[in-house]
Amino acid sequence: MTFRERAAHILKLADIELNGVRPYDPQVKDESVYRDALIWGNLGLGDSYVAGKWTCERLDEFFNLALAAKLEHRTGILGDALLKFRDTFLNLQSIRRALQVAEHHYDLGNALYVPMLGESMAYSSGYYRNGAQTLTEAQVAKFDLICTKLKLTPGMNVLEIGCGWGTFAAHAAKKYEVRVVGVTVSKEQLAFAQEHCKGLPVDFCFLDYRTLPTTYVGTFDRVVSIEMIEAVGVKNLATYMRIAHNMLKKDGLFMIQAIIGTGMQDAWLSTRIFPNGVLPSLSGIVRASENLFRIEGFERFGEDYDRTLMAWSENFRKHWSEIRLAKSPKGAVLFDEAFYRMWQYYLLICAGAFRSKKIDVSQILLSRQ
């Protein structure tokens, strides 16, 4: 059986047809795609898409169908083996490596993120379940949901591990009258957050969560971490939990918003988009929190992340003509056509993964034991 015949057979299991007429049927321009995908899995599939070797009108639905049918288990044997070997013997999220994801991803520049994320500048799932209609409404609803679950009251001290562009900190400080300390390893996020929160009782620190000053121990009423745990890594989950525990007062609460996966890396996403990133499993999070925290609340809303990602994708497409004009201080083009394909692939494969329930997003409320 040729590579093409094997690929066609696998895709039929998900009712996907090579060069078919439906929006989710892939259109192949280069026959090497079949070999790349079958040997390297999503790493080969993603790189070949970025290279223009195949296209698909509805990538999100292609991946929804493919992942729902578990086609990933039928491809990428070599790529998966190398990933497992690397994950077993290396701590890919060590302090030394912590800056890699910031430099590669979050420091791409606000010429990309401002138009894509919109007014809220929140790079995490919105919450549409309370009637939000727009992306901004959903992000504000998410902020309010977290603040409500944490029972914030005026004068509380809040630590945010992974503060993004500072918009949750600003929301909590303005509406709930709390003091916030946010930590980040992204220089671009830090600069934006500091400007955004001028005049508010908010301080930002450029540091890894594992190097928080000892003067902070036991001083926070609440700790919040919104989709930063994906950069922690399986080997560091216990350290992450212990540090959050140590920062809290005895009656403190800890809120985690986490993308839940299998605890294994995706070869393409963890190299091309989020270096060294890994989606933790729910069981891994629970194990790491044992003897430190008690679970007080749990809510999943993966469908809302699908909608959020589609909104980001639409913003990215709509503003591409201006995003592509961005240049480095030396005049180099920052975002070319290959970047456009890569970024759309990233956003839409994730949308499909949430739609197929391959991954999920949850809020986990923990109380300090």
Protein backbone atom coordinates (compact mmCIF):
# COMPACT_ATOMS: atom_id res chain seq x y z
CA MET A 1 0.00 0.00 0.00
CA THR A 2 1.42 3.41 -0.97
CA PHE A 3 1.60 6.37 1.40
CA ARG A 4 -1.30 7.97 -0.47
CA GLU A 5 -3.46 4.86 -0.28
CA ARG A 6 -2.72 4.49 3.42
CA ALA A 7 -3.59 8.16 4.07
CA ALA A 8 -6.84 7.90 2.09
CA HIS A 9 -7.83 4.77 4.03
CA ILE A 10 -7.19 6.43 7.40
CA LEU A 11 -9.08 9.62 6.48
CA LYS A 12 -12.12 7.65 5.35
CA LEU A 13 -12.49 6.44 8.95
CA ALA A 14 -13.42 10.05 9.77
CA ASP A 15 -15.52 10.55 6.61
CA ILE A 16 -12.81 12.79 5.12
CA GLU A 17 -11.91 12.44 1.44
CA LEU A 18 -8.63 13.44 -0.18
CA ASN A 19 -9.29 16.25 -2.68
CA GLY A 20 -13.01 15.97 -2.00
CA VAL A 21 -15.61 18.69 -2.51
CA ARG A 22 -16.64 19.35 1.10
CA PRO A 23 -15.13 22.29 3.03
CA TYR A 24 -13.28 19.95 5.41
CA ASP A 25 -11.78 17.75 2.68
CA PRO A 26 -8.04 18.47 2.27
CA GLN A 27 -6.70 19.55 -1.11
CA VAL A 28 -3.24 18.07 -1.66
CA LYS A 29 -0.74 19.93 -3.84
CA ASP A 30 2.39 17.91 -3.04
CA GLU A 31 2.40 14.11 -2.69
CA SER A 32 5.12 14.25 -0.01
CA VAL A 33 2.40 15.27 2.46
CA TYR A 34 1.34 11.64 2.84
CA ARG A 35 4.79 10.47 3.89
CA ASP A 36 5.32 13.45 6.22
CA ALA A 37 2.00 12.92 8.00
CA LEU A 38 2.21 9.15 8.32
CA ILE A 39 5.75 9.16 9.69
CA TRP A 40 5.80 12.36 11.73
CA GLY A 41 2.14 12.83 12.63
CA ASN A 42 1.02 16.40 13.37
CA LEU A 43 4.60 17.66 13.13
CA GLY A 44 4.80 16.57 9.50
CA LEU A 45 1.20 17.52 8.76
CA GLY A 46 1.58 21.00 10.23
CA ASP A 47 4.91 21.77 8.60
CA SER A 48 3.61 20.64 5.22
CA TYR A 49 0.56 22.90 5.61
CA VAL A 50 2.78 25.88 6.44
CA ALA A 51 4.88 25.03 3.37
CA GLY A 52 1.74 25.19 1.21
CA LYS A 53 1.74 21.50 0.33
CA TRP A 54 -1.96 21.14 1.19
CA THR A 55 -4.89 23.38 1.98
CA CYS A 56 -8.31 23.01 3.57
CA GLU A 57 -11.18 25.48 3.60
CA ARG A 58 -12.35 24.44 7.09
CA LEU A 59 -9.30 23.31 9.04
CA ASP A 60 -11.25 23.51 12.29
CA GLU A 61 -13.81 20.99 11.09
CA PHE A 62 -11.13 18.78 9.48
CA PHE A 63 -9.46 18.42 12.89
CA ASN A 64 -12.76 18.04 14.71
CA LEU A 65 -13.57 15.00 12.57
CA ALA A 66 -10.03 13.61 12.56
CA LEU A 67 -9.58 13.88 16.34
CA ALA A 68 -13.06 12.59 17.12
CA ALA A 69 -12.15 9.50 15.08
CA LYS A 70 -8.79 9.26 16.92
CA LEU A 71 -6.82 9.30 13.68
CA GLU A 72 -3.77 10.66 15.52
CA HIS A 73 -3.20 7.15 16.91
CA ARG A 74 -2.73 5.82 13.38
CA THR A 75 0.05 8.21 12.32
CA GLY A 76 3.32 9.67 13.56
CA ILE A 77 4.89 6.58 15.10
CA LEU A 78 8.45 7.94 14.80
CA GLY A 79 7.53 11.44 15.97
CA ASP A 80 5.66 10.09 19.01
CA ALA A 81 8.56 7.84 19.99
CA LEU A 82 11.02 10.73 19.92
CA LEU A 83 8.67 12.90 22.00
CA LYS A 84 8.28 10.22 24.66
CA PHE A 85 12.05 9.74 24.84
CA ARG A 86 12.61 13.49 25.20
CA ASP A 87 9.87 13.92 27.83
CA THR A 88 11.23 11.03 29.88
CA PHE A 89 14.80 12.24 30.20
CA LEU A 90 14.56 16.04 30.04
CA ASN A 91 12.84 18.70 32.13
CA LEU A 92 11.77 20.87 29.22
CA GLN A 93 10.25 23.49 31.53
CA SER A 94 13.28 24.15 33.74
CA ILE A 95 13.98 27.70 34.92
CA ARG A 96 16.72 27.95 32.30
CA ARG A 97 14.22 27.15 29.56
CA ALA A 98 11.38 29.28 30.96
CA LEU A 99 12.13 32.28 28.76
CA GLN A 100 11.97 30.27 25.53
CA VAL A 101 8.19 30.27 25.19
CA ALA A 102 8.00 33.98 26.03
CA GLU A 103 10.65 34.94 23.49
CA HIS A 104 9.25 32.65 20.80
CA HIS A 105 5.53 33.27 21.32
CA TYR A 106 4.42 36.04 23.67
CA ASP A 107 7.11 38.49 22.55
CA LEU A 108 6.06 38.27 18.89
CA GLY A 109 4.73 41.79 19.34
CA ASN A 110 1.52 43.63 20.07
CA ALA A 111 1.08 44.41 16.37
CA LEU A 112 -0.17 40.81 16.27
CA TYR A 113 -1.89 40.41 19.61
CA VAL A 114 -3.82 43.69 19.93
CA PRO A 115 -5.94 43.15 16.78
CA MET A 116 -6.26 39.41 17.38
CA LEU A 117 -7.26 39.44 21.05
CA GLY A 118 -9.41 42.53 20.90
CA GLU A 119 -10.32 44.99 23.62
CA SER A 120 -9.92 42.59 26.56
CA MET A 121 -6.36 41.53 25.61
CA ALA A 122 -7.12 38.21 27.30
CA TYR A 123 -5.24 35.25 25.81
CA SER A 124 -7.36 32.52 27.40
CA SER A 125 -10.85 31.11 26.96
CA GLY A 126 -13.76 33.46 27.25
CA TYR A 127 -16.95 32.45 29.09
CA TYR A 128 -20.08 32.61 26.94
CA ARG A 129 -22.45 30.63 29.16
CA ASN A 130 -23.99 33.60 30.96
CA GLY A 131 -25.24 35.18 27.76
CA ALA A 132 -22.11 36.87 26.41
CA GLN A 133 -22.42 37.56 22.69
CA THR A 134 -19.06 39.08 21.79
CA LEU A 135 -15.49 38.07 22.51
CA THR A 136 -14.99 41.07 24.81
CA GLU A 137 -18.17 40.28 26.75
CA ALA A 138 -17.07 36.66 27.15
CA GLN A 139 -13.63 37.66 28.45
CA VAL A 140 -15.07 40.12 30.96
CA ALA A 141 -17.54 37.43 32.06
CA LYS A 142 -14.59 35.09 32.61
CA PHE A 143 -12.79 37.70 34.72
CA ASP A 144 -15.92 38.25 36.82
CA LEU A 145 -16.50 34.51 37.21
CA ILE A 146 -12.99 34.04 38.62
CA CYS A 147 -13.32 37.01 40.97
CA THR A 148 -16.68 35.75 42.22
CA LYS A 149 -15.42 32.22 42.82
CA LEU A 150 -12.44 33.63 44.71
CA LYS A 151 -14.82 35.75 46.85
CA LEU A 152 -12.71 38.84 46.39
CA THR A 153 -13.36 41.69 48.80
CA PRO A 154 -11.78 45.19 48.98
CA GLY A 155 -8.28 45.27 50.38
CA MET A 156 -7.33 41.67 49.61
CA ASN A 157 -3.86 40.85 48.28
CA VAL A 158 -3.90 38.76 45.10
CA LEU A 159 -1.01 37.02 43.33
CA GLU A 160 -1.43 36.27 39.64
CA ILE A 161 1.01 33.66 38.32
CA GLY A 162 1.30 34.36 34.60
CA CYS A 163 -0.32 37.79 34.35
CA GLY A 164 -0.46 38.10 30.55
CA TRP A 165 -1.07 41.67 29.42
CA GLY A 166 -2.36 42.66 32.86
CA THR A 167 -6.03 42.90 31.98
CA PHE A 168 -7.30 40.51 34.67
CA ALA A 169 -5.25 42.40 37.25
CA ALA A 170 -6.72 45.70 36.06
CA HIS A 171 -10.27 44.29 36.17
CA ALA A 172 -9.85 42.89 39.69
CA ALA A 173 -8.22 46.07 40.99
CA LYS A 174 -10.85 48.40 39.50
CA LYS A 175 -14.04 46.44 40.15
CA TYR A 176 -13.16 44.51 43.31
CA GLU A 177 -10.70 46.99 44.88
CA VAL A 178 -7.95 44.44 45.53
CA ARG A 179 -4.18 44.78 45.31
CA VAL A 180 -2.53 42.57 42.71
CA VAL A 181 1.00 41.34 42.13
CA GLY A 182 1.48 39.77 38.69
CA VAL A 183 4.46 37.76 37.44
CA THR A 184 5.48 37.11 33.84
CA VAL A 185 8.51 36.00 31.82
CA SER A 186 7.48 38.05 28.77
CA LYS A 187 9.06 41.46 28.28
CA GLU A 188 6.38 42.51 25.79
CA GLN A 189 3.58 41.55 28.17
CA LEU A 190 5.30 43.28 31.06
CA ALA A 191 5.62 46.58 29.20
CA PHE A 192 1.99 46.51 28.07
CA ALA A 193 0.70 45.53 31.53
CA GLN A 194 2.62 48.28 33.31
CA GLU A 195 1.22 50.91 30.96
CA HIS A 196 -2.29 49.46 31.10
CA CYS A 197 -2.40 49.44 34.91
CA LYS A 198 -0.93 52.87 35.60
CA GLY A 199 -2.50 54.41 38.68
CA LEU A 200 -3.92 51.10 39.93
CA PRO A 201 -2.75 49.14 43.01
CA VAL A 202 -1.02 46.61 40.76
CA ASP A 203 2.66 45.62 40.59
CA PHE A 204 4.26 43.43 37.96
CA CYS A 205 7.46 41.39 38.28
CA PHE A 206 9.61 39.98 35.52
CA LEU A 207 10.46 36.59 36.99
CA ASP A 208 9.78 32.87 36.89
CA TYR A 209 7.20 31.74 39.46
CA ARG A 210 9.86 29.50 41.02
CA THR A 211 11.92 32.55 41.97
CA LEU A 212 9.22 34.50 43.81
CA PRO A 213 10.80 36.42 46.74
CA THR A 214 10.58 34.77 50.14
CA THR A 215 9.11 38.03 51.46
CA TYR A 216 5.89 37.08 49.63
CA VAL A 217 5.45 33.80 51.55
CA GLY A 218 2.14 33.69 53.41
CA THR A 219 1.11 37.22 52.38
CA PHE A 220 -1.60 36.65 49.76
CA ASP A 221 -5.31 36.11 50.37
CA ARG A 222 -5.76 34.67 46.91
CA VAL A 223 -3.64 33.21 44.10
CA VAL A 224 -4.89 32.98 40.52
CA SER A 225 -3.27 31.39 37.49
CA ILE A 226 -5.12 31.64 34.17
CA GLU A 227 -3.84 29.16 31.58
CA MET A 228 -0.24 29.41 32.67
CA ILE A 229 -0.10 25.82 33.96
CA GLU A 230 0.39 24.63 30.36
CA ALA A 231 3.94 26.03 30.54
CA VAL A 232 4.70 24.34 33.87
CA GLY A 233 5.34 20.78 32.66
CA VAL A 234 4.54 17.45 34.26
CA LYS A 235 7.84 17.33 36.14
CA ASN A 236 7.17 20.70 37.80
CA LEU A 237 3.49 20.46 38.75
CA ALA A 238 4.25 19.60 42.38
CA THR A 239 6.62 22.59 42.63
CA TYR A 240 3.99 24.87 41.08
CA MET A 241 1.39 23.73 43.61
CA ARG A 242 3.77 23.99 46.55
CA ILE A 243 4.74 27.55 45.65
CA ALA A 244 1.11 28.63 45.30
CA HIS A 245 0.40 26.99 48.67
CA ASN A 246 3.32 28.75 50.33
CA MET A 247 2.32 32.18 49.00
CA LEU A 248 -1.18 31.93 50.50
CA LYS A 249 -2.41 32.84 53.95
CA LYS A 250 -3.87 29.94 55.92
CA ASP A 251 -7.43 30.60 54.76
CA GLY A 252 -6.41 31.40 51.18
CA LEU A 253 -7.92 30.23 47.90
CA PHE A 254 -6.19 29.27 44.67
CA MET A 255 -7.93 29.41 41.28
CA ILE A 256 -6.47 27.61 38.27
CA GLN A 257 -7.89 27.94 34.77
CA ALA A 258 -6.27 25.13 32.83
CA ILE A 259 -6.42 23.56 29.41
CA ILE A 260 -6.78 19.87 30.19
CA GLY A 261 -5.08 17.30 27.98
CA THR A 262 -3.27 14.00 28.42
CA GLY A 263 -0.01 15.18 29.97
CA MET A 264 1.77 14.43 26.68
CA GLN A 265 3.11 16.98 24.22
CA ASP A 266 1.83 17.61 20.72
CA ALA A 267 4.91 17.55 18.50
CA TRP A 268 3.90 20.48 16.28
CA LEU A 269 2.39 22.80 18.89
CA SER A 270 5.18 22.21 21.42
CA THR A 271 7.89 23.09 18.91
CA ARG A 272 6.40 25.57 16.44
CA ILE A 273 4.01 27.54 18.67
CA PHE A 274 4.57 26.96 22.41
CA PRO A 275 8.13 25.65 22.89
CA ASN A 276 8.19 22.94 25.57
CA GLY A 277 4.49 23.39 26.38
CA VAL A 278 2.35 20.48 27.52
CA LEU A 279 -1.33 20.24 28.47
CA PRO A 280 -1.58 18.63 31.92
CA SER A 281 -3.99 15.83 32.64
CA LEU A 282 -6.67 16.39 35.25
CA SER A 283 -5.34 13.45 37.26
CA GLY A 284 -1.87 15.00 37.19
CA ILE A 285 -3.18 18.27 38.58
CA VAL A 286 -5.10 16.49 41.32
CA ARG A 287 -2.10 14.37 42.32
CA ALA A 288 0.16 17.42 42.47
CA SER A 289 -2.30 19.23 44.75
CA GLU A 290 -2.69 16.38 47.26
CA ASN A 291 -1.77 17.23 50.87
CA LEU A 292 -1.60 20.91 49.89
CA PHE A 293 -5.09 21.81 48.70
CA ARG A 294 -8.68 20.66 48.87
CA ILE A 295 -10.83 20.97 45.75
CA GLU A 296 -13.69 23.37 46.42
CA GLY A 297 -15.08 23.75 42.91
CA PHE A 298 -14.67 22.50 39.36
CA GLU A 299 -16.20 23.72 36.10
CA ARG A 300 -15.44 22.75 32.51
CA PHE A 301 -16.40 24.81 29.44
CA GLY A 302 -14.43 23.56 26.45
CA GLU A 303 -17.17 24.56 24.01
CA ASP A 304 -16.51 28.18 24.96
CA TYR A 305 -12.85 27.80 24.00
CA ASP A 306 -13.87 26.59 20.55
CA ARG A 307 -15.89 29.78 20.15
CA THR A 308 -13.05 31.92 21.52
CA LEU A 309 -10.52 30.45 19.11
CA MET A 310 -12.82 30.98 16.14
CA ALA A 311 -13.21 34.62 17.20
CA TRP A 312 -9.42 35.02 17.39
CA SER A 313 -9.06 33.40 13.98
CA GLU A 314 -11.63 35.77 12.51
CA ASN A 315 -9.89 38.79 14.06
CA PHE A 316 -6.55 37.57 12.72
CA ARG A 317 -7.94 37.16 9.19
CA LYS A 318 -9.78 40.48 9.28
CA HIS A 319 -6.71 42.42 10.40
CA TRP A 320 -4.08 40.50 8.42
CA SER A 321 -3.55 43.35 5.96
CA GLU A 322 -2.34 45.57 8.81
CA ILE A 323 -0.58 42.85 10.83
CA ARG A 324 1.59 41.92 7.85
CA LEU A 325 2.96 45.49 7.69
CA ALA A 326 4.69 45.17 11.08
CA LYS A 327 8.47 45.29 10.95
CA SER A 328 11.34 44.81 13.37
CA PRO A 329 13.44 47.78 14.55
CA LYS A 330 15.87 46.87 11.76
CA GLY A 331 13.13 46.94 9.13
CA ALA A 332 12.69 43.18 8.67
CA VAL A 333 9.24 41.77 7.91
CA LEU A 334 7.89 40.05 11.01
CA PHE A 335 4.85 38.23 9.63
CA ASP A 336 4.97 36.71 6.17
CA GLU A 337 2.61 34.37 4.30
CA ALA A 338 4.16 31.30 5.91
CA PHE A 339 3.46 32.85 9.31
CA TYR A 340 -0.16 33.44 8.26
CA ARG A 341 -0.59 29.76 7.40
CA MET A 342 1.19 28.67 10.59
CA TRP A 343 -0.93 30.91 12.82
CA GLN A 344 -4.21 29.88 11.23
CA TYR A 345 -3.22 26.23 11.51
CA TYR A 346 -2.47 26.77 15.22
CA LEU A 347 -5.75 28.52 16.01
CA LEU A 348 -7.94 26.16 13.99
CA ILE A 349 -6.34 22.88 15.07
CA CYS A 350 -6.98 23.98 18.65
CA ALA A 351 -10.59 24.90 17.85
CA GLY A 352 -11.09 21.45 16.34
CA ALA A 353 -9.48 19.80 19.37
CA PHE A 354 -11.93 21.48 21.75
CA ARG A 355 -14.90 20.77 19.44
CA SER A 356 -14.02 17.08 19.31
CA LYS A 357 -13.53 17.05 23.12
CA LYS A 358 -9.97 15.84 22.64
CA ILE A 359 -9.00 18.61 25.08
CA ASP A 360 -11.00 20.74 27.51
CA VAL A 361 -10.68 23.84 29.66
CA SER A 362 -11.57 23.94 33.35
CA GLN A 363 -11.57 26.22 36.35
CA ILE A 364 -10.42 24.48 39.53
CA LEU A 365 -10.93 26.24 42.85
CA LEU A 366 -8.65 25.04 45.66
CA SER A 367 -8.51 25.88 49.34
CA ARG A 368 -5.27 25.72 51.31
CA GLN A 369 -4.91 22.80 53.71
